[in-house]
N, C-alpha and C. Protein backbone atom coordinates (compact mmCIF):
# COMPACT_ATOMS: atom_id res chain seq x y z
N MET A 1 -54.10 48.62 166.61
CA MET A 1 -54.05 47.72 165.37
C MET A 1 -55.39 47.64 164.86
N ALA A 2 -55.41 47.24 163.64
CA ALA A 2 -56.56 46.95 162.90
C ALA A 2 -56.45 45.73 161.89
N LEU A 3 -57.45 44.92 161.87
CA LEU A 3 -57.51 44.14 161.04
C LEU A 3 -57.83 44.61 159.61
N LYS A 4 -57.04 44.01 158.65
CA LYS A 4 -57.22 44.38 157.14
C LYS A 4 -58.10 43.53 156.50
N THR A 5 -58.60 43.61 155.33
CA THR A 5 -59.29 42.75 154.45
C THR A 5 -58.29 42.03 153.45
N ILE A 6 -58.30 40.87 153.47
CA ILE A 6 -57.42 40.04 152.59
C ILE A 6 -58.10 39.89 151.17
N VAL A 7 -57.34 40.66 150.14
CA VAL A 7 -58.11 40.77 148.93
C VAL A 7 -57.99 39.43 148.15
N GLN A 8 -58.99 39.18 147.53
CA GLN A 8 -59.19 37.62 146.94
C GLN A 8 -59.00 37.90 145.29
N TYR A 9 -58.40 36.85 144.77
CA TYR A 9 -57.91 36.53 143.52
C TYR A 9 -59.41 36.86 142.70
N PRO A 10 -59.56 37.45 141.56
CA PRO A 10 -58.42 38.26 140.78
C PRO A 10 -58.31 39.65 140.93
N HIS A 11 -58.30 40.08 142.34
CA HIS A 11 -58.00 41.45 142.56
C HIS A 11 -56.70 42.02 141.81
N GLU A 12 -56.74 43.00 141.37
CA GLU A 12 -55.36 43.58 140.50
C GLU A 12 -54.18 44.06 141.54
N ALA A 13 -54.51 44.00 142.85
CA ALA A 13 -53.29 44.24 143.60
C ALA A 13 -52.50 43.06 143.51
N LEU A 14 -52.90 41.76 143.49
CA LEU A 14 -52.56 40.71 143.46
C LEU A 14 -51.30 40.56 142.25
N ARG A 15 -51.54 41.14 141.50
CA ARG A 15 -50.64 41.07 139.83
C ARG A 15 -49.61 42.22 139.93
N LYS A 16 -49.43 43.16 141.06
CA LYS A 16 -48.96 44.52 140.91
C LYS A 16 -47.51 44.07 141.50
N ILE A 17 -46.41 44.87 141.10
CA ILE A 17 -44.92 44.57 141.56
C ILE A 17 -44.93 45.71 142.74
N ALA A 18 -44.60 45.09 144.02
CA ALA A 18 -44.75 46.03 145.33
C ALA A 18 -43.48 46.92 145.13
N LYS A 19 -43.63 48.15 145.74
CA LYS A 19 -42.55 49.05 145.74
C LYS A 19 -41.54 48.99 146.95
N GLU A 20 -40.28 49.28 146.74
CA GLU A 20 -39.30 49.29 147.73
C GLU A 20 -39.68 50.28 148.99
N VAL A 21 -39.20 49.96 150.02
CA VAL A 21 -39.66 50.75 151.15
C VAL A 21 -38.43 51.58 151.64
N SER A 22 -38.46 52.57 151.86
CA SER A 22 -37.16 53.48 152.27
C SER A 22 -36.96 53.50 153.77
N ILE A 23 -35.78 53.63 154.23
CA ILE A 23 -35.80 53.56 155.67
C ILE A 23 -36.55 54.66 156.40
N GLU A 24 -36.61 56.02 155.99
CA GLU A 24 -37.51 56.64 156.52
C GLU A 24 -38.81 56.50 156.64
N GLN A 25 -39.17 55.78 155.35
CA GLN A 25 -40.38 55.48 155.53
C GLN A 25 -41.11 54.06 156.52
N LEU A 26 -39.88 53.30 156.57
CA LEU A 26 -39.95 52.08 157.17
C LEU A 26 -40.18 52.49 159.01
N LYS A 27 -39.43 53.51 159.44
CA LYS A 27 -39.20 54.12 160.55
C LYS A 27 -40.69 55.02 160.84
N SER A 28 -41.48 55.23 160.02
CA SER A 28 -42.57 56.17 160.53
C SER A 28 -43.42 55.30 161.18
N LYS A 29 -44.20 56.22 162.10
CA LYS A 29 -45.20 55.64 162.68
C LYS A 29 -46.33 54.81 161.95
N GLU A 30 -46.61 55.47 160.84
CA GLU A 30 -47.56 54.87 160.11
C GLU A 30 -47.30 53.71 159.42
N PHE A 31 -46.03 53.48 159.06
CA PHE A 31 -45.36 52.29 158.54
C PHE A 31 -45.69 51.16 159.33
N GLN A 32 -44.98 51.40 160.55
CA GLN A 32 -44.96 50.54 161.69
C GLN A 32 -46.24 49.97 162.14
N GLN A 33 -47.15 50.77 162.04
CA GLN A 33 -48.75 50.33 162.20
C GLN A 33 -49.37 49.42 161.22
N GLU A 34 -48.84 49.91 160.00
CA GLU A 34 -49.16 49.03 158.68
C GLU A 34 -48.50 47.71 159.03
N LEU A 35 -47.38 47.31 159.48
CA LEU A 35 -46.53 46.27 159.68
C LEU A 35 -47.36 45.46 160.85
N ASP A 36 -47.69 46.15 162.08
CA ASP A 36 -48.54 45.50 162.93
C ASP A 36 -49.93 45.11 162.43
N ASP A 37 -50.69 45.91 161.58
CA ASP A 37 -51.99 45.52 160.97
C ASP A 37 -51.63 44.17 160.19
N LEU A 38 -50.39 44.10 159.37
CA LEU A 38 -50.35 42.88 158.53
C LEU A 38 -50.25 41.65 159.38
N MET A 39 -49.57 41.73 160.45
CA MET A 39 -49.32 40.58 161.36
C MET A 39 -50.74 40.13 161.99
N GLU A 40 -51.37 41.25 162.57
CA GLU A 40 -52.44 40.94 163.22
C GLU A 40 -53.46 40.35 162.28
N THR A 41 -53.63 40.90 161.16
CA THR A 41 -54.36 40.16 160.08
C THR A 41 -54.16 38.60 159.95
N LEU A 42 -52.90 38.42 159.64
CA LEU A 42 -52.44 37.15 159.53
C LEU A 42 -52.86 36.18 160.82
N GLU A 43 -52.65 36.76 161.99
CA GLU A 43 -53.05 35.82 163.18
C GLU A 43 -54.41 35.50 163.43
N ASN A 44 -55.25 36.54 162.84
CA ASN A 44 -56.59 36.33 163.15
C ASN A 44 -57.68 36.30 162.23
N GLU A 45 -57.15 36.33 160.90
CA GLU A 45 -58.24 36.14 159.93
C GLU A 45 -58.29 34.70 159.55
N TYR A 46 -57.28 34.08 159.62
CA TYR A 46 -57.12 32.74 159.28
C TYR A 46 -55.89 32.02 159.98
N PRO A 47 -56.20 31.09 161.24
CA PRO A 47 -55.24 30.92 161.95
C PRO A 47 -54.10 29.81 161.68
N LEU A 48 -54.52 29.04 160.29
CA LEU A 48 -53.56 28.09 159.91
C LEU A 48 -52.59 28.90 158.96
N GLY A 49 -52.92 30.11 158.50
CA GLY A 49 -52.18 31.06 157.44
C GLY A 49 -50.52 31.24 158.05
N ALA A 50 -49.57 31.07 157.52
CA ALA A 50 -48.22 31.19 157.74
C ALA A 50 -47.54 32.42 157.31
N GLY A 51 -48.14 33.14 156.23
CA GLY A 51 -47.48 34.15 155.77
C GLY A 51 -48.60 35.14 155.27
N LEU A 52 -48.23 36.40 154.97
CA LEU A 52 -49.05 37.41 154.28
C LEU A 52 -48.46 38.55 153.69
N SER A 53 -48.50 38.88 152.60
CA SER A 53 -47.76 39.87 152.14
C SER A 53 -48.61 41.20 151.79
N GLY A 54 -47.89 42.38 151.55
CA GLY A 54 -48.47 43.60 151.56
C GLY A 54 -49.92 43.77 150.53
N ASN A 55 -49.30 43.15 149.17
CA ASN A 55 -49.85 43.01 148.27
C ASN A 55 -51.56 42.41 148.66
N GLN A 56 -51.50 41.51 149.61
CA GLN A 56 -52.60 40.81 149.71
C GLN A 56 -53.63 41.58 150.74
N ILE A 57 -53.10 42.77 151.19
CA ILE A 57 -54.07 43.56 151.72
C ILE A 57 -54.15 45.06 151.08
N ASN A 58 -53.71 44.94 149.79
CA ASN A 58 -53.78 46.03 148.97
C ASN A 58 -52.78 47.20 149.31
N SER A 59 -51.66 46.77 150.01
CA SER A 59 -50.91 47.74 150.32
C SER A 59 -49.42 47.43 149.54
N LEU A 60 -49.18 48.23 148.57
CA LEU A 60 -48.04 47.94 147.56
C LEU A 60 -46.61 47.98 147.90
N TYR A 61 -46.22 47.66 149.05
CA TYR A 61 -44.94 47.71 149.67
C TYR A 61 -44.13 46.57 149.77
N ARG A 62 -42.80 46.44 149.45
CA ARG A 62 -42.23 45.22 149.57
C ARG A 62 -42.03 44.94 151.29
N MET A 63 -43.23 43.91 151.49
CA MET A 63 -43.17 43.75 152.93
C MET A 63 -43.94 42.38 152.99
N PHE A 64 -43.46 41.54 153.82
CA PHE A 64 -44.63 40.47 154.20
C PHE A 64 -44.30 40.01 155.67
N VAL A 65 -45.19 39.14 156.21
CA VAL A 65 -45.01 38.82 157.43
C VAL A 65 -45.33 37.22 157.33
N ILE A 66 -44.38 36.67 158.64
CA ILE A 66 -44.74 35.29 158.93
C ILE A 66 -45.10 34.80 160.26
N ASN A 67 -45.80 33.87 160.32
CA ASN A 67 -46.10 33.34 161.64
C ASN A 67 -46.14 32.00 161.64
N MET A 68 -45.23 31.29 161.56
CA MET A 68 -45.02 29.94 161.33
C MET A 68 -44.70 28.95 162.67
N GLU A 69 -45.61 28.02 162.60
CA GLU A 69 -45.43 27.05 163.91
C GLU A 69 -44.12 26.48 163.62
N ILE A 70 -43.30 26.61 164.75
CA ILE A 70 -42.10 25.73 164.68
C ILE A 70 -41.79 24.48 165.81
N ASP A 71 -42.85 24.49 166.53
CA ASP A 71 -42.97 23.50 167.64
C ASP A 71 -44.54 23.54 168.05
N SER A 72 -45.18 22.67 168.74
CA SER A 72 -46.30 22.79 169.23
C SER A 72 -46.45 23.96 170.13
N GLY A 73 -47.46 25.06 169.73
CA GLY A 73 -47.73 26.24 170.21
C GLY A 73 -46.64 27.14 170.22
N GLN A 74 -45.63 26.98 169.55
CA GLN A 74 -44.45 28.02 169.40
C GLN A 74 -44.40 28.50 168.17
N PHE A 75 -44.38 29.78 167.89
CA PHE A 75 -44.24 30.30 166.52
C PHE A 75 -43.08 31.39 166.49
N LEU A 76 -42.57 31.09 164.88
CA LEU A 76 -41.67 32.24 164.56
C LEU A 76 -42.48 33.13 163.90
N LYS A 77 -42.44 34.38 164.44
CA LYS A 77 -42.90 35.77 163.82
C LYS A 77 -41.85 36.48 163.39
N GLN A 78 -41.99 36.99 162.28
CA GLN A 78 -40.97 37.66 161.49
C GLN A 78 -41.41 38.69 160.50
N PHE A 79 -40.81 39.89 160.47
CA PHE A 79 -41.11 40.88 159.40
C PHE A 79 -40.17 41.03 158.35
N PHE A 80 -40.37 40.91 157.11
CA PHE A 80 -39.63 41.06 156.08
C PHE A 80 -39.90 42.27 155.32
N ILE A 81 -38.97 43.11 155.11
CA ILE A 81 -39.15 44.41 154.36
C ILE A 81 -38.13 44.29 153.33
N ASN A 82 -38.53 44.63 152.02
CA ASN A 82 -37.46 44.46 150.71
C ASN A 82 -36.73 43.43 150.80
N PRO A 83 -37.16 42.12 150.84
CA PRO A 83 -36.92 40.93 150.59
C PRO A 83 -36.04 40.77 149.35
N GLU A 84 -35.10 39.94 149.53
CA GLU A 84 -34.27 39.63 148.18
C GLU A 84 -33.91 38.25 148.19
N ILE A 85 -34.26 37.21 147.50
CA ILE A 85 -33.81 35.98 147.47
C ILE A 85 -32.56 35.98 147.05
N VAL A 86 -31.34 35.71 147.34
CA VAL A 86 -29.94 35.86 146.74
C VAL A 86 -29.35 34.53 146.23
N SER A 87 -29.88 33.47 146.76
CA SER A 87 -29.36 32.21 146.19
C SER A 87 -30.40 31.24 146.41
N PHE A 88 -30.65 30.13 145.54
CA PHE A 88 -31.48 29.15 145.70
C PHE A 88 -30.90 27.72 145.45
N SER A 89 -31.16 26.79 146.11
CA SER A 89 -30.39 25.32 146.22
C SER A 89 -30.91 24.84 144.84
N THR A 90 -30.14 23.94 144.20
CA THR A 90 -30.42 23.20 143.20
C THR A 90 -31.41 22.09 143.36
N GLN A 91 -31.32 21.76 144.58
CA GLN A 91 -32.29 20.57 145.04
C GLN A 91 -33.78 21.41 145.21
N THR A 92 -34.71 20.66 144.55
CA THR A 92 -36.13 21.27 144.82
C THR A 92 -37.02 20.17 145.23
N ASN A 93 -38.30 20.53 145.58
CA ASN A 93 -39.19 19.52 145.99
C ASN A 93 -40.50 20.11 145.57
N ILE A 94 -41.44 19.33 145.28
CA ILE A 94 -43.06 19.59 145.06
C ILE A 94 -43.93 19.18 146.16
N ASP A 95 -44.58 20.31 146.44
CA ASP A 95 -45.44 19.96 147.63
C ASP A 95 -46.75 21.12 147.39
N TRP A 96 -47.71 20.72 148.07
CA TRP A 96 -48.94 21.37 148.27
C TRP A 96 -49.03 22.79 148.70
N GLU A 97 -49.42 23.73 148.03
CA GLU A 97 -49.70 25.30 148.53
C GLU A 97 -50.96 25.58 148.21
N GLY A 98 -51.60 26.54 149.03
CA GLY A 98 -52.50 27.47 149.15
C GLY A 98 -52.44 28.68 149.36
N CYS A 99 -53.27 29.63 149.40
CA CYS A 99 -53.17 30.85 149.63
C CYS A 99 -54.25 31.39 150.25
N LEU A 100 -53.90 32.63 151.08
CA LEU A 100 -55.20 33.32 151.88
C LEU A 100 -55.94 34.13 150.92
N SER A 101 -55.37 34.45 149.65
CA SER A 101 -56.18 35.20 148.71
C SER A 101 -56.81 34.22 147.56
N PHE A 102 -57.01 32.84 148.11
CA PHE A 102 -58.06 32.02 147.13
C PHE A 102 -58.69 31.22 147.99
N ASN A 103 -59.59 32.06 148.89
CA ASN A 103 -60.71 31.61 149.83
C ASN A 103 -61.95 31.03 149.07
N GLY A 104 -62.60 29.85 149.62
CA GLY A 104 -63.81 29.33 149.20
C GLY A 104 -64.98 30.24 149.89
N PRO A 105 -66.37 29.74 149.57
CA PRO A 105 -67.32 30.35 150.16
C PRO A 105 -67.28 30.64 151.65
N ASP A 106 -66.50 29.81 152.33
CA ASP A 106 -66.77 29.71 154.05
C ASP A 106 -65.55 30.79 154.38
N GLY A 107 -64.78 31.40 153.52
CA GLY A 107 -63.79 32.46 153.89
C GLY A 107 -62.55 31.45 154.23
N THR A 108 -62.35 30.48 153.93
CA THR A 108 -61.03 29.76 154.31
C THR A 108 -60.35 29.16 153.22
N PRO A 109 -59.11 29.30 152.98
CA PRO A 109 -58.21 28.92 151.62
C PRO A 109 -59.03 27.67 151.08
N ASP A 110 -59.37 27.54 149.67
CA ASP A 110 -60.08 26.37 149.01
C ASP A 110 -59.51 26.08 147.80
N GLN A 111 -58.39 26.68 147.45
CA GLN A 111 -57.85 26.13 146.29
C GLN A 111 -56.12 25.77 146.53
N TRP A 112 -55.96 24.65 146.11
CA TRP A 112 -54.47 23.91 146.43
C TRP A 112 -53.98 23.43 145.00
N GLY A 113 -52.67 23.54 144.94
CA GLY A 113 -52.01 22.84 143.88
C GLY A 113 -50.57 22.65 144.27
N GLN A 114 -49.97 21.71 143.54
CA GLN A 114 -48.52 21.43 143.79
C GLN A 114 -47.47 22.35 143.02
N VAL A 115 -46.65 22.83 143.63
CA VAL A 115 -45.81 23.96 143.26
C VAL A 115 -44.31 23.46 143.67
N GLU A 116 -43.37 23.65 142.39
CA GLU A 116 -41.93 22.94 142.88
C GLU A 116 -41.27 24.39 143.31
N ARG A 117 -40.33 24.08 144.24
CA ARG A 117 -39.71 25.27 145.09
C ARG A 117 -38.38 24.70 145.28
N ALA A 118 -37.38 25.78 145.39
CA ALA A 118 -35.91 25.35 145.96
C ALA A 118 -36.24 24.90 147.52
N THR A 119 -35.43 23.84 147.99
CA THR A 119 -35.38 23.25 149.24
C THR A 119 -34.67 24.20 150.11
N THR A 120 -33.72 24.95 149.49
CA THR A 120 -32.83 25.93 150.59
C THR A 120 -32.79 27.21 149.86
N ILE A 121 -32.73 28.29 150.61
CA ILE A 121 -32.40 29.75 149.74
C ILE A 121 -31.82 30.46 150.88
N LYS A 122 -31.18 31.41 150.34
CA LYS A 122 -30.54 32.63 151.29
C LYS A 122 -31.37 33.99 150.80
N VAL A 123 -31.83 34.52 151.79
CA VAL A 123 -32.66 35.95 151.83
C VAL A 123 -31.97 37.03 152.55
N LYS A 124 -31.78 38.18 151.95
CA LYS A 124 -31.52 39.32 152.55
C LYS A 124 -32.91 40.42 152.64
N PHE A 125 -32.99 40.70 153.86
CA PHE A 125 -34.00 41.77 153.97
C PHE A 125 -33.53 42.62 155.39
N LEU A 126 -34.67 43.57 155.33
CA LEU A 126 -34.67 44.61 156.42
C LEU A 126 -35.71 44.11 157.43
N ASN A 127 -35.25 43.97 158.86
CA ASN A 127 -36.16 43.74 159.76
C ASN A 127 -37.23 45.08 160.08
N ARG A 128 -37.95 45.04 160.90
CA ARG A 128 -38.83 46.27 161.23
C ARG A 128 -38.08 47.47 161.50
N GLU A 129 -36.79 47.16 162.21
CA GLU A 129 -36.02 48.21 162.71
C GLU A 129 -35.22 48.72 161.66
N GLY A 130 -35.48 48.47 160.49
CA GLY A 130 -34.49 48.65 159.46
C GLY A 130 -32.96 48.14 159.38
N GLU A 131 -32.61 47.10 160.28
CA GLU A 131 -31.63 46.56 160.28
C GLU A 131 -31.35 45.45 159.09
N GLN A 132 -30.37 45.06 158.42
CA GLN A 132 -30.04 44.50 157.45
C GLN A 132 -29.90 43.05 158.05
N GLN A 133 -30.76 42.09 157.36
CA GLN A 133 -30.45 40.75 157.85
C GLN A 133 -30.29 39.84 156.62
N GLU A 134 -29.69 38.51 157.08
CA GLU A 134 -29.60 37.68 155.93
C GLU A 134 -29.77 36.25 156.66
N ILE A 135 -30.59 35.32 156.18
CA ILE A 135 -30.86 34.20 156.58
C ILE A 135 -30.66 33.27 155.72
N VAL A 136 -30.38 31.81 156.00
CA VAL A 136 -30.74 30.57 155.18
C VAL A 136 -31.89 29.90 155.73
N ALA A 137 -32.51 29.52 154.72
CA ALA A 137 -34.05 28.97 155.13
C ALA A 137 -33.88 27.69 154.21
N SER A 138 -34.71 26.81 155.16
CA SER A 138 -34.96 25.46 154.30
C SER A 138 -36.31 24.66 154.40
N ASN A 139 -36.70 23.71 153.69
CA ASN A 139 -37.93 23.21 153.92
C ASN A 139 -39.16 24.03 153.89
N PHE A 140 -40.20 23.75 154.84
CA PHE A 140 -41.27 24.75 154.56
C PHE A 140 -41.20 26.28 154.75
N TYR A 141 -39.97 26.47 155.58
CA TYR A 141 -39.60 28.00 155.82
C TYR A 141 -39.31 28.68 154.53
N ALA A 142 -38.32 27.79 153.75
CA ALA A 142 -37.97 28.31 152.43
C ALA A 142 -39.15 28.53 151.41
N ARG A 143 -40.13 27.38 151.47
CA ARG A 143 -41.14 27.49 150.65
C ARG A 143 -42.10 28.69 150.79
N LEU A 144 -42.25 28.95 151.94
CA LEU A 144 -42.90 30.24 152.58
C LEU A 144 -42.42 31.40 152.24
N ILE A 145 -41.11 31.61 152.49
CA ILE A 145 -40.60 32.76 152.12
C ILE A 145 -40.58 33.09 150.35
N GLN A 146 -40.23 31.83 149.69
CA GLN A 146 -40.55 32.03 148.24
C GLN A 146 -41.73 32.47 147.68
N HIS A 147 -42.96 31.73 148.42
CA HIS A 147 -44.31 32.11 147.94
C HIS A 147 -44.73 33.65 148.54
N GLU A 148 -44.20 34.07 149.56
CA GLU A 148 -44.44 35.59 149.78
C GLU A 148 -43.74 36.36 149.10
N THR A 149 -42.46 36.05 148.72
CA THR A 149 -41.63 37.23 147.81
C THR A 149 -42.29 37.01 146.23
N ASP A 150 -42.74 35.93 146.00
CA ASP A 150 -43.44 35.86 144.75
C ASP A 150 -44.45 36.95 144.56
N HIS A 151 -45.36 37.05 145.77
CA HIS A 151 -46.62 37.97 145.76
C HIS A 151 -46.03 39.37 145.47
N LEU A 152 -44.84 39.61 146.00
CA LEU A 152 -44.38 41.16 145.97
C LEU A 152 -44.10 41.37 144.60
N ASN A 153 -43.73 40.34 143.70
CA ASN A 153 -43.71 40.63 142.31
C ASN A 153 -44.73 40.21 141.31
N GLY A 154 -46.03 40.11 142.17
CA GLY A 154 -47.20 39.82 141.37
C GLY A 154 -47.29 38.30 140.74
N ILE A 155 -46.57 37.48 141.43
CA ILE A 155 -46.65 35.97 140.90
C ILE A 155 -47.54 35.26 142.04
N LEU A 156 -48.50 34.43 141.51
CA LEU A 156 -49.18 33.90 142.35
C LEU A 156 -48.86 32.16 142.23
N PHE A 157 -49.18 31.29 143.15
CA PHE A 157 -48.87 29.82 143.21
C PHE A 157 -49.47 29.38 142.09
N ILE A 158 -50.64 29.75 141.48
CA ILE A 158 -51.30 29.21 140.33
C ILE A 158 -50.47 29.46 139.15
N ASP A 159 -49.58 30.30 139.11
CA ASP A 159 -48.64 30.45 137.97
C ASP A 159 -47.59 29.35 137.88
N LYS A 160 -47.44 28.71 139.04
CA LYS A 160 -46.41 27.63 139.06
C LYS A 160 -46.87 26.32 139.11
N LEU A 161 -48.13 25.94 138.97
CA LEU A 161 -48.79 24.81 139.06
C LEU A 161 -48.02 23.77 138.53
N LYS A 162 -47.64 22.66 139.06
CA LYS A 162 -47.43 21.14 138.59
C LYS A 162 -48.29 20.36 138.65
N SER A 163 -49.66 20.56 139.05
CA SER A 163 -50.69 19.75 139.24
C SER A 163 -51.82 20.38 138.61
N GLU A 164 -53.13 19.72 138.95
CA GLU A 164 -54.37 20.38 138.69
C GLU A 164 -54.60 21.17 139.93
N LEU A 165 -55.48 22.15 140.00
CA LEU A 165 -55.76 22.91 141.17
C LEU A 165 -57.02 22.18 141.82
N VAL A 166 -57.08 22.01 143.02
CA VAL A 166 -58.03 21.40 143.71
C VAL A 166 -58.85 22.02 144.97
N ASN A 167 -59.84 21.46 145.39
CA ASN A 167 -60.39 22.37 146.29
C ASN A 167 -60.06 21.45 147.73
N THR A 168 -60.54 22.13 148.62
CA THR A 168 -60.02 21.22 150.32
C THR A 168 -60.49 20.10 150.37
N VAL A 169 -61.85 19.83 149.68
CA VAL A 169 -62.28 18.54 149.85
C VAL A 169 -61.62 17.44 149.26
N GLU A 170 -61.28 17.94 147.65
CA GLU A 170 -60.44 16.95 146.89
C GLU A 170 -59.12 16.75 147.44
N LEU A 171 -58.34 17.77 148.21
CA LEU A 171 -57.10 17.69 148.70
C LEU A 171 -57.11 16.93 149.81
N ASP A 172 -58.00 16.85 150.72
CA ASP A 172 -58.22 16.00 151.70
C ASP A 172 -58.19 14.54 151.07
N LYS A 173 -59.04 13.99 150.36
CA LYS A 173 -59.21 12.76 149.95
C LYS A 173 -57.81 12.25 149.36
N ILE A 174 -56.93 13.23 148.51
CA ILE A 174 -55.68 12.87 147.83
C ILE A 174 -54.78 12.51 149.09
N LEU A 175 -54.56 13.45 149.96
CA LEU A 175 -53.59 13.14 151.19
C LEU A 175 -54.03 12.08 152.08
N LYS A 176 -55.42 11.78 152.11
CA LYS A 176 -55.59 10.67 152.88
C LYS A 176 -55.32 9.17 152.13
N ALA A 177 -55.59 9.42 150.83
CA ALA A 177 -55.19 8.05 150.00
C ALA A 177 -53.52 8.04 149.95
N GLU A 178 -52.98 8.88 149.92
CA GLU A 178 -51.25 8.96 150.07
C GLU A 178 -50.84 8.37 151.29
N ALA A 179 -51.73 8.65 152.43
CA ALA A 179 -51.41 8.28 153.85
C ALA A 179 -51.60 7.07 153.71
N GLU A 180 -52.76 6.38 153.46
CA GLU A 180 -52.95 5.03 153.35
C GLU A 180 -52.06 4.05 152.57
N GLN A 181 -51.64 4.67 151.47
CA GLN A 181 -50.60 4.00 150.39
C GLN A 181 -49.34 3.59 151.34
N THR A 182 -48.95 4.90 151.81
CA THR A 182 -47.69 4.84 152.65
C THR A 182 -47.68 4.02 153.79
N HIS A 183 -48.96 4.05 154.50
CA HIS A 183 -49.06 2.85 155.42
C HIS A 183 -49.04 1.57 155.25
N SER A 184 -49.64 1.29 154.21
CA SER A 184 -49.66 -0.25 153.46
C SER A 184 -48.34 -0.57 153.05
N LYS A 185 -47.51 0.42 152.56
CA LYS A 185 -46.24 -0.03 152.28
C LYS A 185 -45.33 -0.65 153.42
N ILE A 186 -45.65 0.22 154.52
CA ILE A 186 -44.96 0.17 155.87
C ILE A 186 -45.33 -1.19 156.44
N GLY A 187 -46.57 -1.39 156.67
CA GLY A 187 -47.21 -2.41 157.19
C GLY A 187 -47.11 -3.69 156.43
């Protein structure tokens, strides 16, 4: 396995539409290695990252991986090949998003904005063995899948902003103020 470089905005790969992956290609040793490299890069480049698409390592295939913490120290690791979101809930929410392709000088994500997403989605995809899968995802899981699927279509979170773009220091101040406001309403 090998760590790949995560390309940074405005790299041209981030605006390209990724190509479908054939079953033959998916089952090849080279493509399986590419999937392993994608997951290893996500796990090691920035430990708080939850998803990474092929576009973000300049590999223009319809694939992404997630490594999402579901419980303290427990992670859901999944490979999505040729994902297609087949339905979106009418209920949406707006929340903060960042992206591993929008890093600051220290190499960590440093651009954040509020994005509106469906709270529940149904998605069809192939797993790494080439088996057709269909899942229903809600909340952060749904947001993550929508964010990564957008990448495969050349769409970035900055294209869907419902707020100003802020850096990490500004976001921390906003979240701290919101938490204090919530605490004062409760207390």
